[in-house]
Amino acid sequence: MIIFSKKERAGNQQRIFHKDTVRQAFWRALPIMGSYLFVTIFVNQWKAAKSHIPALLGLDCGVVILLIVGPDYFLLPTLILVSGILLAVRGKMSGEVMEDE
């Protein structure tokens, strides 16, 4: 066991990251990480999909709902609207994709 003087211990405590500092940095970076994740998933889906209608529908509905209700409450209505529209046109879209093959 190594025994440090008070001065050495004080110096070590200043060099170690405080938990609150790391936590604050994480919460500050979280929106940026979410945006990067969204863009990555969107681009991968765009490249893999035969039909870009669902992606364009999601973007369009997202922008419209964002303009209507604002940034705080747009996610759930957008998901409901896009899901409803995709369920309603499910048969037509699968027919279009089958014809393209």
PDB file of N, CA and C in Angstrom:
ATOM      1  N   MET A   1       0.845  -1.176   0.000  1.00  0.00           N
ATOM      2  CA  MET A   1       0.000   0.000   0.000  1.00  0.00           C
ATOM      3  C   MET A   1       0.889   1.236   0.000  1.00  0.00           C
ATOM      4  N   ILE A   2       0.562   2.146  -0.937  1.00  0.00           N
ATOM      5  CA  ILE A   2       1.336   3.374  -1.047  1.00  0.00           C
ATOM      6  C   ILE A   2       0.587   4.479  -0.311  1.00  0.00           C
ATOM      7  N   ILE A   3       1.320   5.222   0.473  1.00  0.00           N
ATOM      8  CA  ILE A   3       0.715   6.309   1.232  1.00  0.00           C
ATOM      9  C   ILE A   3       1.125   7.618   0.577  1.00  0.00           C
ATOM     10  N   PHE A   4       0.124   8.432   0.217  1.00  0.00           N
ATOM     11  CA  PHE A   4       0.370   9.720  -0.405  1.00  0.00           C
ATOM     12  C   PHE A   4       0.176  10.831   0.620  1.00  0.00           C
ATOM     13  N   SER A   5       0.928  11.882   0.425  1.00  0.00           N
ATOM     14  CA  SER A   5       0.713  13.060   1.271  1.00  0.00           C
ATOM     15  C   SER A   5      -0.577  13.759   0.816  1.00  0.00           C
ATOM     16  N   LYS A   6      -1.055  14.695   1.623  1.00  0.00           N
ATOM     17  CA  LYS A   6      -2.280  15.418   1.281  1.00  0.00           C
ATOM     18  C   LYS A   6      -2.131  16.172  -0.042  1.00  0.00           C
ATOM     19  N   LYS A   7      -0.953  16.701  -0.290  1.00  0.00           N
ATOM     20  CA  LYS A   7      -0.723  17.456  -1.512  1.00  0.00           C
ATOM     21  C   LYS A   7      -0.801  16.544  -2.732  1.00  0.00           C
ATOM     22  N   GLU A   8      -0.218  15.351  -2.631  1.00  0.00           N
ATOM     23  CA  GLU A   8      -0.272  14.401  -3.745  1.00  0.00           C
ATOM     24  C   GLU A   8      -1.698  13.924  -3.991  1.00  0.00           C
ATOM     25  N   ARG A   9      -2.453  13.675  -2.929  1.00  0.00           N
ATOM     26  CA  ARG A   9      -3.841  13.238  -3.086  1.00  0.00           C
ATOM     27  C   ARG A   9      -4.677  14.325  -3.737  1.00  0.00           C
ATOM     28  N   ALA A  10      -4.449  15.567  -3.373  1.00  0.00           N
ATOM     29  CA  ALA A  10      -5.210  16.669  -3.966  1.00  0.00           C
ATOM     30  C   ALA A  10      -4.907  16.780  -5.457  1.00  0.00           C
ATOM     31  N   GLY A  11      -3.667  16.573  -5.828  1.00  0.00           N
ATOM     32  CA  GLY A  11      -3.293  16.612  -7.250  1.00  0.00           C
ATOM     33  C   GLY A  11      -3.932  15.485  -8.026  1.00  0.00           C
ATOM     34  N   ASN A  12      -4.012  14.287  -7.441  1.00  0.00           N
ATOM     35  CA  ASN A  12      -4.634  13.148  -8.118  1.00  0.00           C
ATOM     36  C   ASN A  12      -6.129  13.365  -8.299  1.00  0.00           C
ATOM     37  N   GLN A  13      -6.767  13.975  -7.336  1.00  0.00           N
ATOM     38  CA  GLN A  13      -8.204  14.199  -7.429  1.00  0.00           C
ATOM     39  C   GLN A  13      -8.530  15.201  -8.527  1.00  0.00           C
ATOM     40  N   GLN A  14      -7.652  16.130  -8.777  1.00  0.00           N
ATOM     41  CA  GLN A  14      -7.917  17.117  -9.816  1.00  0.00           C
ATOM     42  C   GLN A  14      -7.759  16.502 -11.213  1.00  0.00           C
ATOM     43  N   ARG A  15      -6.934  15.498 -11.367  1.00  0.00           N
ATOM     44  CA  ARG A  15      -6.692  14.890 -12.670  1.00  0.00           C
ATOM     45  C   ARG A  15      -7.763  13.870 -13.048  1.00  0.00           C
ATOM     46  N   ILE A  16      -8.439  13.312 -12.098  1.00  0.00           N
ATOM     47  CA  ILE A  16      -9.452  12.301 -12.363  1.00  0.00           C
ATOM     48  C   ILE A  16     -10.749  13.003 -12.756  1.00  0.00           C
ATOM     49  N   PHE A  17     -11.392  12.479 -13.794  1.00  0.00           N
ATOM     50  CA  PHE A  17     -12.673  13.048 -14.211  1.00  0.00           C
ATOM     51  C   PHE A  17     -13.708  12.850 -13.128  1.00  0.00           C
ATOM     52  N   HIS A  18     -14.427  13.872 -12.882  1.00  0.00           N
ATOM     53  CA  HIS A  18     -15.511  13.795 -11.915  1.00  0.00           C
ATOM     54  C   HIS A  18     -16.717  13.160 -12.606  1.00  0.00           C
ATOM     55  N   LYS A  19     -17.484  12.338 -11.894  1.00  0.00           N
ATOM     56  CA  LYS A  19     -18.630  11.652 -12.489  1.00  0.00           C
ATOM     57  C   LYS A  19     -19.621  12.635 -13.101  1.00  0.00           C
ATOM     58  N   ASP A  20     -19.847  13.748 -12.443  1.00  0.00           N
ATOM     59  CA  ASP A  20     -20.806  14.721 -12.948  1.00  0.00           C
ATOM     60  C   ASP A  20     -20.337  15.316 -14.273  1.00  0.00           C
ATOM     61  N   THR A  21     -19.038  15.524 -14.432  1.00  0.00           N
ATOM     62  CA  THR A  21     -18.513  16.073 -15.671  1.00  0.00           C
ATOM     63  C   THR A  21     -18.746  15.105 -16.824  1.00  0.00           C
ATOM     64  N   VAL A  22     -18.498  13.831 -16.606  1.00  0.00           N
ATOM     65  CA  VAL A  22     -18.715  12.819 -17.632  1.00  0.00           C
ATOM     66  C   VAL A  22     -20.202  12.713 -17.949  1.00  0.00           C
ATOM     67  N   ARG A  23     -21.030  12.730 -16.931  1.00  0.00           N
ATOM     68  CA  ARG A  23     -22.477  12.649 -17.131  1.00  0.00           C
ATOM     69  C   ARG A  23     -22.984  13.849 -17.930  1.00  0.00           C
ATOM     70  N   GLN A  24     -22.502  15.048 -17.628  1.00  0.00           N
ATOM     71  CA  GLN A  24     -22.925  16.233 -18.362  1.00  0.00           C
ATOM     72  C   GLN A  24     -22.470  16.170 -19.815  1.00  0.00           C
ATOM     73  N   ALA A  25     -21.265  15.690 -20.048  1.00  0.00           N
ATOM     74  CA  ALA A  25     -20.766  15.563 -21.415  1.00  0.00           C
ATOM     75  C   ALA A  25     -21.596  14.555 -22.195  1.00  0.00           C
ATOM     76  N   PHE A  26     -21.994  13.459 -21.553  1.00  0.00           N
ATOM     77  CA  PHE A  26     -22.822  12.452 -22.211  1.00  0.00           C
ATOM     78  C   PHE A  26     -24.166  13.045 -22.618  1.00  0.00           C
ATOM     79  N   TRP A  27     -24.831  13.744 -21.704  1.00  0.00           N
ATOM     80  CA  TRP A  27     -26.145  14.302 -22.017  1.00  0.00           C
ATOM     81  C   TRP A  27     -26.058  15.415 -23.041  1.00  0.00           C
ATOM     82  N   ARG A  28     -24.923  16.096 -23.118  1.00  0.00           N
ATOM     83  CA  ARG A  28     -24.742  17.117 -24.141  1.00  0.00           C
ATOM     84  C   ARG A  28     -24.531  16.488 -25.510  1.00  0.00           C
ATOM     85  N   ALA A  29     -23.873  15.339 -25.559  1.00  0.00           N
ATOM     86  CA  ALA A  29     -23.563  14.684 -26.828  1.00  0.00           C
ATOM     87  C   ALA A  29     -24.690  13.781 -27.326  1.00  0.00           C
ATOM     88  N   LEU A  30     -25.633  13.432 -26.483  1.00  0.00           N
ATOM     89  CA  LEU A  30     -26.691  12.493 -26.855  1.00  0.00           C
ATOM     90  C   LEU A  30     -27.510  12.939 -28.064  1.00  0.00           C
ATOM     91  N   PRO A  31     -27.962  14.174 -28.175  1.00  0.00           N
ATOM     92  CA  PRO A  31     -28.723  14.564 -29.379  1.00  0.00           C
ATOM     93  C   PRO A  31     -27.910  14.429 -30.663  1.00  0.00           C
ATOM     94  N   ILE A  32     -26.646  14.750 -30.605  1.00  0.00           N
ATOM     95  CA  ILE A  32     -25.798  14.624 -31.794  1.00  0.00           C
ATOM     96  C   ILE A  32     -25.642  13.164 -32.174  1.00  0.00           C
ATOM     97  N   MET A  33     -25.434  12.294 -31.184  1.00  0.00           N
ATOM     98  CA  MET A  33     -25.300  10.863 -31.474  1.00  0.00           C
ATOM     99  C   MET A  33     -26.590  10.315 -32.066  1.00  0.00           C
ATOM    100  N   GLY A  34     -27.729  10.767 -31.565  1.00  0.00           N
ATOM    101  CA  GLY A  34     -29.010  10.329 -32.112  1.00  0.00           C
ATOM    102  C   GLY A  34     -29.183  10.767 -33.558  1.00  0.00           C
ATOM    103  N   SER A  35     -28.759  11.985 -33.862  1.00  0.00           N
ATOM    104  CA  SER A  35     -28.851  12.480 -35.241  1.00  0.00           C
ATOM    105  C   SER A  35     -27.961  11.662 -36.171  1.00  0.00           C
ATOM    106  N   TYR A  36     -26.741  11.377 -35.745  1.00  0.00           N
ATOM    107  CA  TYR A  36     -25.835  10.571 -36.571  1.00  0.00           C
ATOM    108  C   TYR A  36     -26.396   9.175 -36.785  1.00  0.00           C
ATOM    109  N   LEU A  37     -26.971   8.598 -35.744  1.00  0.00           N
ATOM    110  CA  LEU A  37     -27.562   7.268 -35.860  1.00  0.00           C
ATOM    111  C   LEU A  37     -28.724   7.283 -36.846  1.00  0.00           C
ATOM    112  N   PHE A  38     -29.591   8.289 -36.757  1.00  0.00           N
ATOM    113  CA  PHE A  38     -30.716   8.405 -37.675  1.00  0.00           C
ATOM    114  C   PHE A  38     -30.239   8.519 -39.121  1.00  0.00           C
ATOM    115  N   VAL A  39     -29.275   9.366 -39.385  1.00  0.00           N
ATOM    116  CA  VAL A  39     -28.780   9.561 -40.749  1.00  0.00           C
ATOM    117  C   VAL A  39     -28.163   8.268 -41.282  1.00  0.00           C
ATOM    118  N   THR A  40     -27.408   7.572 -40.456  1.00  0.00           N
ATOM    119  CA  THR A  40     -26.786   6.317 -40.870  1.00  0.00           C
ATOM    120  C   THR A  40     -27.834   5.272 -41.219  1.00  0.00           C
ATOM    121  N   ILE A  41     -28.836   5.113 -40.376  1.00  0.00           N
ATOM    122  CA  ILE A  41     -29.902   4.140 -40.639  1.00  0.00           C
ATOM    123  C   ILE A  41     -30.675   4.527 -41.887  1.00  0.00           C
ATOM    124  N   PHE A  42     -30.984   5.815 -42.038  1.00  0.00           N
ATOM    125  CA  PHE A  42     -31.730   6.270 -43.212  1.00  0.00           C
ATOM    126  C   PHE A  42     -30.963   5.994 -44.495  1.00  0.00           C
ATOM    127  N   VAL A  43     -29.685   6.295 -44.533  1.00  0.00           N
ATOM    128  CA  VAL A  43     -28.889   6.085 -45.744  1.00  0.00           C
ATOM    129  C   VAL A  43     -28.778   4.598 -46.061  1.00  0.00           C
ATOM    130  N   ASN A  44     -28.575   3.753 -45.042  1.00  0.00           N
ATOM    131  CA  ASN A  44     -28.500   2.309 -45.282  1.00  0.00           C
ATOM    132  C   ASN A  44     -29.823   1.766 -45.824  1.00  0.00           C
ATOM    133  N   GLN A  45     -30.941   2.212 -45.270  1.00  0.00           N
ATOM    134  CA  GLN A  45     -32.249   1.783 -45.758  1.00  0.00           C
ATOM    135  C   GLN A  45     -32.491   2.286 -47.182  1.00  0.00           C
ATOM    136  N   TRP A  46     -32.057   3.503 -47.464  1.00  0.00           N
ATOM    137  CA  TRP A  46     -32.238   4.074 -48.800  1.00  0.00           C
ATOM    138  C   TRP A  46     -31.480   3.235 -49.830  1.00  0.00           C
ATOM    139  N   LYS A  47     -30.252   2.849 -49.508  1.00  0.00           N
ATOM    140  CA  LYS A  47     -29.451   2.056 -50.446  1.00  0.00           C
ATOM    141  C   LYS A  47     -30.011   0.649 -50.627  1.00  0.00           C
ATOM    142  N   ALA A  48     -30.574   0.070 -49.572  1.00  0.00           N
ATOM    143  CA  ALA A  48     -31.030  -1.311 -49.618  1.00  0.00           C
ATOM    144  C   ALA A  48     -32.434  -1.465 -50.206  1.00  0.00           C
ATOM    145  N   ALA A  49     -33.245  -0.415 -50.164  1.00  0.00           N
ATOM    146  CA  ALA A  49     -34.649  -0.530 -50.558  1.00  0.00           C
ATOM    147  C   ALA A  49     -34.810  -0.468 -52.072  1.00  0.00           C
ATOM    148  N   LYS A  50     -35.787  -1.238 -52.567  1.00  0.00           N
ATOM    149  CA  LYS A  50     -36.125  -1.175 -53.986  1.00  0.00           C
ATOM    150  C   LYS A  50     -37.049   0.007 -54.258  1.00  0.00           C
ATOM    151  N   SER A  51     -37.907   0.317 -53.299  1.00  0.00           N
ATOM    152  CA  SER A  51     -38.842   1.434 -53.421  1.00  0.00           C
ATOM    153  C   SER A  51     -38.519   2.458 -52.332  1.00  0.00           C
ATOM    154  N   HIS A  52     -38.402   3.705 -52.730  1.00  0.00           N
ATOM    155  CA  HIS A  52     -38.077   4.756 -51.763  1.00  0.00           C
ATOM    156  C   HIS A  52     -39.313   5.463 -51.232  1.00  0.00           C
ATOM    157  N   ILE A  53     -40.484   4.954 -51.561  1.00  0.00           N
ATOM    158  CA  ILE A  53     -41.740   5.583 -51.117  1.00  0.00           C
ATOM    159  C   ILE A  53     -41.842   5.646 -49.592  1.00  0.00           C
ATOM    160  N   PRO A  54     -41.570   4.573 -48.845  1.00  0.00           N
ATOM    161  CA  PRO A  54     -41.677   4.672 -47.386  1.00  0.00           C
ATOM    162  C   PRO A  54     -40.728   5.711 -46.772  1.00  0.00           C
ATOM    163  N   ALA A  55     -39.520   5.799 -47.300  1.00  0.00           N
ATOM    164  CA  ALA A  55     -38.565   6.768 -46.765  1.00  0.00           C
ATOM    165  C   ALA A  55     -39.025   8.194 -47.048  1.00  0.00           C
ATOM    166  N   LEU A  56     -39.465   8.433 -48.266  1.00  0.00           N
ATOM    167  CA  LEU A  56     -39.945   9.776 -48.614  1.00  0.00           C
ATOM    168  C   LEU A  56     -41.219  10.123 -47.860  1.00  0.00           C
ATOM    169  N   LEU A  57     -42.085   9.133 -47.665  1.00  0.00           N
ATOM    170  CA  LEU A  57     -43.307   9.342 -46.887  1.00  0.00           C
ATOM    171  C   LEU A  57     -42.968   9.723 -45.445  1.00  0.00           C
ATOM    172  N   GLY A  58     -42.011   9.022 -44.859  1.00  0.00           N
ATOM    173  CA  GLY A  58     -41.591   9.332 -43.496  1.00  0.00           C
ATOM    174  C   GLY A  58     -41.014  10.728 -43.371  1.00  0.00           C
ATOM    175  N   LEU A  59     -40.197  11.121 -44.323  1.00  0.00           N
ATOM    176  CA  LEU A  59     -39.633  12.476 -44.292  1.00  0.00           C
ATOM    177  C   LEU A  59     -40.717  13.537 -44.464  1.00  0.00           C
ATOM    178  N   ASP A  60     -41.596  13.318 -45.431  1.00  0.00           N
ATOM    179  CA  ASP A  60     -42.656  14.299 -45.674  1.00  0.00           C
ATOM    180  C   ASP A  60     -43.581  14.435 -44.473  1.00  0.00           C
ATOM    181  N   CYS A  61     -44.033  13.310 -43.939  1.00  0.00           N
ATOM    182  CA  CYS A  61     -44.918  13.362 -42.763  1.00  0.00           C
ATOM    183  C   CYS A  61     -44.212  13.997 -41.572  1.00  0.00           C
ATOM    184  N   GLY A  62     -42.942  13.690 -41.406  1.00  0.00           N
ATOM    185  CA  GLY A  62     -42.185  14.276 -40.302  1.00  0.00           C
ATOM    186  C   GLY A  62     -42.103  15.785 -40.393  1.00  0.00           C
ATOM    187  N   VAL A  63     -41.844  16.293 -41.589  1.00  0.00           N
ATOM    188  CA  VAL A  63     -41.742  17.745 -41.769  1.00  0.00           C
ATOM    189  C   VAL A  63     -43.098  18.410 -41.545  1.00  0.00           C
ATOM    190  N   VAL A  64     -44.174  17.811 -42.095  1.00  0.00           N
ATOM    191  CA  VAL A  64     -45.511  18.403 -41.940  1.00  0.00           C
ATOM    192  C   VAL A  64     -45.921  18.438 -40.465  1.00  0.00           C
ATOM    193  N   ILE A  65     -45.768  17.314 -39.770  1.00  0.00           N
ATOM    194  CA  ILE A  65     -46.157  17.261 -38.355  1.00  0.00           C
ATOM    195  C   ILE A  65     -45.260  18.183 -37.524  1.00  0.00           C
ATOM    196  N   LEU A  66     -43.998  18.276 -37.874  1.00  0.00           N
ATOM    197  CA  LEU A  66     -43.092  19.182 -37.166  1.00  0.00           C
ATOM    198  C   LEU A  66     -43.567  20.624 -37.289  1.00  0.00           C
ATOM    199  N   LEU A  67     -44.013  21.011 -38.469  1.00  0.00           N
ATOM    200  CA  LEU A  67     -44.509  22.370 -38.666  1.00  0.00           C
ATOM    201  C   LEU A  67     -45.829  22.607 -37.934  1.00  0.00           C
ATOM    202  N   ILE A  68     -46.637  21.555 -37.801  1.00  0.00           N
ATOM    203  CA  ILE A  68     -47.942  21.711 -37.160  1.00  0.00           C
ATOM    204  C   ILE A  68     -47.823  21.770 -35.635  1.00  0.00           C
ATOM    205  N   VAL A  69     -47.123  20.797 -35.031  1.00  0.00           N
ATOM    206  CA  VAL A  69     -47.123  20.698 -33.557  1.00  0.00           C
ATOM    207  C   VAL A  69     -45.823  21.165 -32.904  1.00  0.00           C
ATOM    208  N   GLY A  70     -44.783  21.374 -33.682  1.00  0.00           N
ATOM    209  CA  GLY A  70     -43.523  21.836 -33.101  1.00  0.00           C
ATOM    210  C   GLY A  70     -42.595  20.681 -32.745  1.00  0.00           C
ATOM    211  N   PRO A  71     -41.366  20.998 -32.365  1.00  0.00           N
ATOM    212  CA  PRO A  71     -40.346  19.968 -32.151  1.00  0.00           C
ATOM    213  C   PRO A  71     -40.526  19.126 -30.889  1.00  0.00           C
ATOM    214  N   ASP A  72     -41.320  19.587 -29.944  1.00  0.00           N
ATOM    215  CA  ASP A  72     -41.442  18.842 -28.692  1.00  0.00           C
ATOM    216  C   ASP A  72     -42.358  17.638 -28.786  1.00  0.00           C
ATOM    217  N   TYR A  73     -43.354  17.682 -29.682  1.00  0.00           N
ATOM    218  CA  TYR A  73     -44.381  16.629 -29.696  1.00  0.00           C
ATOM    219  C   TYR A  73     -44.590  15.995 -31.071  1.00  0.00           C
ATOM    220  N   PHE A  74     -43.642  16.083 -31.981  1.00  0.00           N
ATOM    221  CA  PHE A  74     -43.912  15.625 -33.333  1.00  0.00           C
ATOM    222  C   PHE A  74     -43.614  14.146 -33.572  1.00  0.00           C
ATOM    223  N   LEU A  75     -42.828  13.510 -32.729  1.00  0.00           N
ATOM    224  CA  LEU A  75     -42.377  12.154 -33.025  1.00  0.00           C
ATOM    225  C   LEU A  75     -43.514  11.131 -33.011  1.00  0.00           C
ATOM    226  N   LEU A  76     -44.299  11.084 -31.964  1.00  0.00           N
ATOM    227  CA  LEU A  76     -45.367  10.085 -31.866  1.00  0.00           C
ATOM    228  C   LEU A  76     -46.446  10.278 -32.934  1.00  0.00           C
ATOM    229  N   PRO A  77     -46.957  11.510 -33.169  1.00  0.00           N
ATOM    230  CA  PRO A  77     -47.929  11.665 -34.264  1.00  0.00           C
ATOM    231  C   PRO A  77     -47.354  11.281 -35.628  1.00  0.00           C
ATOM    232  N   THR A  78     -46.083  11.573 -35.858  1.00  0.00           N
ATOM    233  CA  THR A  78     -45.466  11.206 -37.122  1.00  0.00           C
ATOM    234  C   THR A  78     -45.403   9.689 -37.277  1.00  0.00           C
ATOM    235  N   LEU A  79     -44.992   8.990 -36.230  1.00  0.00           N
ATOM    236  CA  LEU A  79     -44.939   7.531 -36.289  1.00  0.00           C
ATOM    237  C   LEU A  79     -46.322   6.929 -36.531  1.00  0.00           C
ATOM    238  N   ILE A  80     -47.331   7.466 -35.869  1.00  0.00           N
ATOM    239  CA  ILE A  80     -48.696   6.963 -36.054  1.00  0.00           C
ATOM    240  C   ILE A  80     -49.176   7.225 -37.475  1.00  0.00           C
ATOM    241  N   LEU A  81     -48.941   8.424 -37.984  1.00  0.00           N
ATOM    242  CA  LEU A  81     -49.379   8.774 -39.334  1.00  0.00           C
ATOM    243  C   LEU A  81     -48.674   7.928 -40.396  1.00  0.00           C
ATOM    244  N   VAL A  82     -47.376   7.810 -40.306  1.00  0.00           N
ATOM    245  CA  VAL A  82     -46.625   7.022 -41.292  1.00  0.00           C
ATOM    246  C   VAL A  82     -47.040   5.558 -41.225  1.00  0.00           C
ATOM    247  N   SER A  83     -47.169   5.014 -40.033  1.00  0.00           N
ATOM    248  CA  SER A  83     -47.588   3.616 -39.895  1.00  0.00           C
ATOM    249  C   SER A  83     -48.980   3.404 -40.473  1.00  0.00           C
ATOM    250  N   GLY A  84     -49.900   4.324 -40.203  1.00  0.00           N
ATOM    251  CA  GLY A  84     -51.255   4.211 -40.740  1.00  0.00           C
ATOM    252  C   GLY A  84     -51.276   4.254 -42.258  1.00  0.00           C
ATOM    253  N   ILE A  85     -50.545   5.191 -42.838  1.00  0.00           N
ATOM    254  CA  ILE A  85     -50.507   5.297 -44.300  1.00  0.00           C
ATOM    255  C   ILE A  85     -49.868   4.057 -44.915  1.00  0.00           C
ATOM    256  N   LEU A  86     -48.778   3.589 -44.349  1.00  0.00           N
ATOM    257  CA  LEU A  86     -48.118   2.397 -44.891  1.00  0.00           C
ATOM    258  C   LEU A  86     -48.999   1.160 -44.774  1.00  0.00           C
ATOM    259  N   LEU A  87     -49.749   1.043 -43.685  1.00  0.00           N
ATOM    260  CA  LEU A  87     -50.679  -0.084 -43.557  1.00  0.00           C
ATOM    261  C   LEU A  87     -51.807   0.023 -44.570  1.00  0.00           C
ATOM    262  N   ALA A  88     -52.264   1.256 -44.836  1.00  0.00           N
ATOM    263  CA  ALA A  88     -53.365   1.451 -45.778  1.00  0.00           C
ATOM    264  C   ALA A  88     -52.959   1.123 -47.212  1.00  0.00           C
ATOM    265  N   VAL A  89     -51.725   1.407 -47.579  1.00  0.00           N
ATOM    266  CA  VAL A  89     -51.278   1.170 -48.967  1.00  0.00           C
ATOM    267  C   VAL A  89     -50.374  -0.048 -49.078  1.00  0.00           C
ATOM    268  N   ARG A  90     -50.427  -0.912 -48.091  1.00  0.00           N
ATOM    269  CA  ARG A  90     -49.532  -2.069 -48.044  1.00  0.00           C
ATOM    270  C   ARG A  90     -49.688  -2.954 -49.281  1.00  0.00           C
ATOM    271  N   GLY A  91     -50.896  -3.275 -49.660  1.00  0.00           N
ATOM    272  CA  GLY A  91     -51.119  -4.147 -50.810  1.00  0.00           C
ATOM    273  C   GLY A  91     -50.659  -3.523 -52.107  1.00  0.00           C
ATOM    274  N   LYS A  92     -50.931  -2.238 -52.279  1.00  0.00           N
ATOM    275  CA  LYS A  92     -50.537  -1.546 -53.507  1.00  0.00           C
ATOM    276  C   LYS A  92     -49.022  -1.475 -53.632  1.00  0.00           C
ATOM    277  N   MET A  93     -48.350  -1.182 -52.511  1.00  0.00           N
ATOM    278  CA  MET A  93     -46.893  -1.064 -52.559  1.00  0.00           C
ATOM    279  C   MET A  93     -46.236  -2.402 -52.813  1.00  0.00           C
ATOM    280  N   SER A  94     -46.732  -3.477 -52.192  1.00  0.00           N
ATOM    281  CA  SER A  94     -46.111  -4.785 -52.423  1.00  0.00           C
ATOM    282  C   SER A  94     -46.325  -5.210 -53.863  1.00  0.00           C
ATOM    283  N   GLY A  95     -47.453  -4.817 -54.480  1.00  0.00           N
ATOM    284  CA  GLY A  95     -47.681  -5.107 -55.893  1.00  0.00           C
ATOM    285  C   GLY A  95     -46.713  -4.362 -56.788  1.00  0.00           C
ATOM    286  N   GLU A  96     -46.418  -3.112 -56.448  1.00  0.00           N
ATOM    287  CA  GLU A  96     -45.465  -2.332 -57.228  1.00  0.00           C
ATOM    288  C   GLU A  96     -44.071  -2.911 -57.145  1.00  0.00           C
ATOM    289  N   VAL A  97     -43.690  -3.346 -55.985  1.00  0.00           N
ATOM    290  CA  VAL A  97     -42.352  -3.911 -55.804  1.00  0.00           C
ATOM    291  C   VAL A  97     -42.261  -5.243 -56.546  1.00  0.00           C
ATOM    292  N   MET A  98     -43.336  -6.043 -56.508  1.00  0.00           N
ATOM    293  CA  MET A  98     -43.329  -7.325 -57.198  1.00  0.00           C
ATOM    294  C   MET A  98     -43.226  -7.123 -58.702  1.00  0.00           C
ATOM    295  N   GLU A  99     -43.879  -6.072 -59.264  1.00  0.00           N
ATOM    296  CA  GLU A  99     -43.820  -5.810 -60.687  1.00  0.00           C
ATOM    297  C   GLU A  99     -42.434  -5.366 -61.115  1.00  0.00           C
ATOM    298  N   ASP A 100     -41.721  -4.646 -60.234  1.00  0.00           N
ATOM    299  CA  ASP A 100     -40.388  -4.168 -60.557  1.00  0.00           C
ATOM    300  C   ASP A 100     -39.376  -5.297 -60.670  1.00  0.00           C
ATOM    301  N   GLU A 101     -39.615  -6.392 -59.981  1.00  0.00           N
ATOM    302  CA  GLU A 101     -38.668  -7.510 -59.987  1.00  0.00           C
ATOM    303  C   GLU A 101     -38.789  -8.197 -61.299  1.00  0.00           C
TER     304      GLU A 101
END
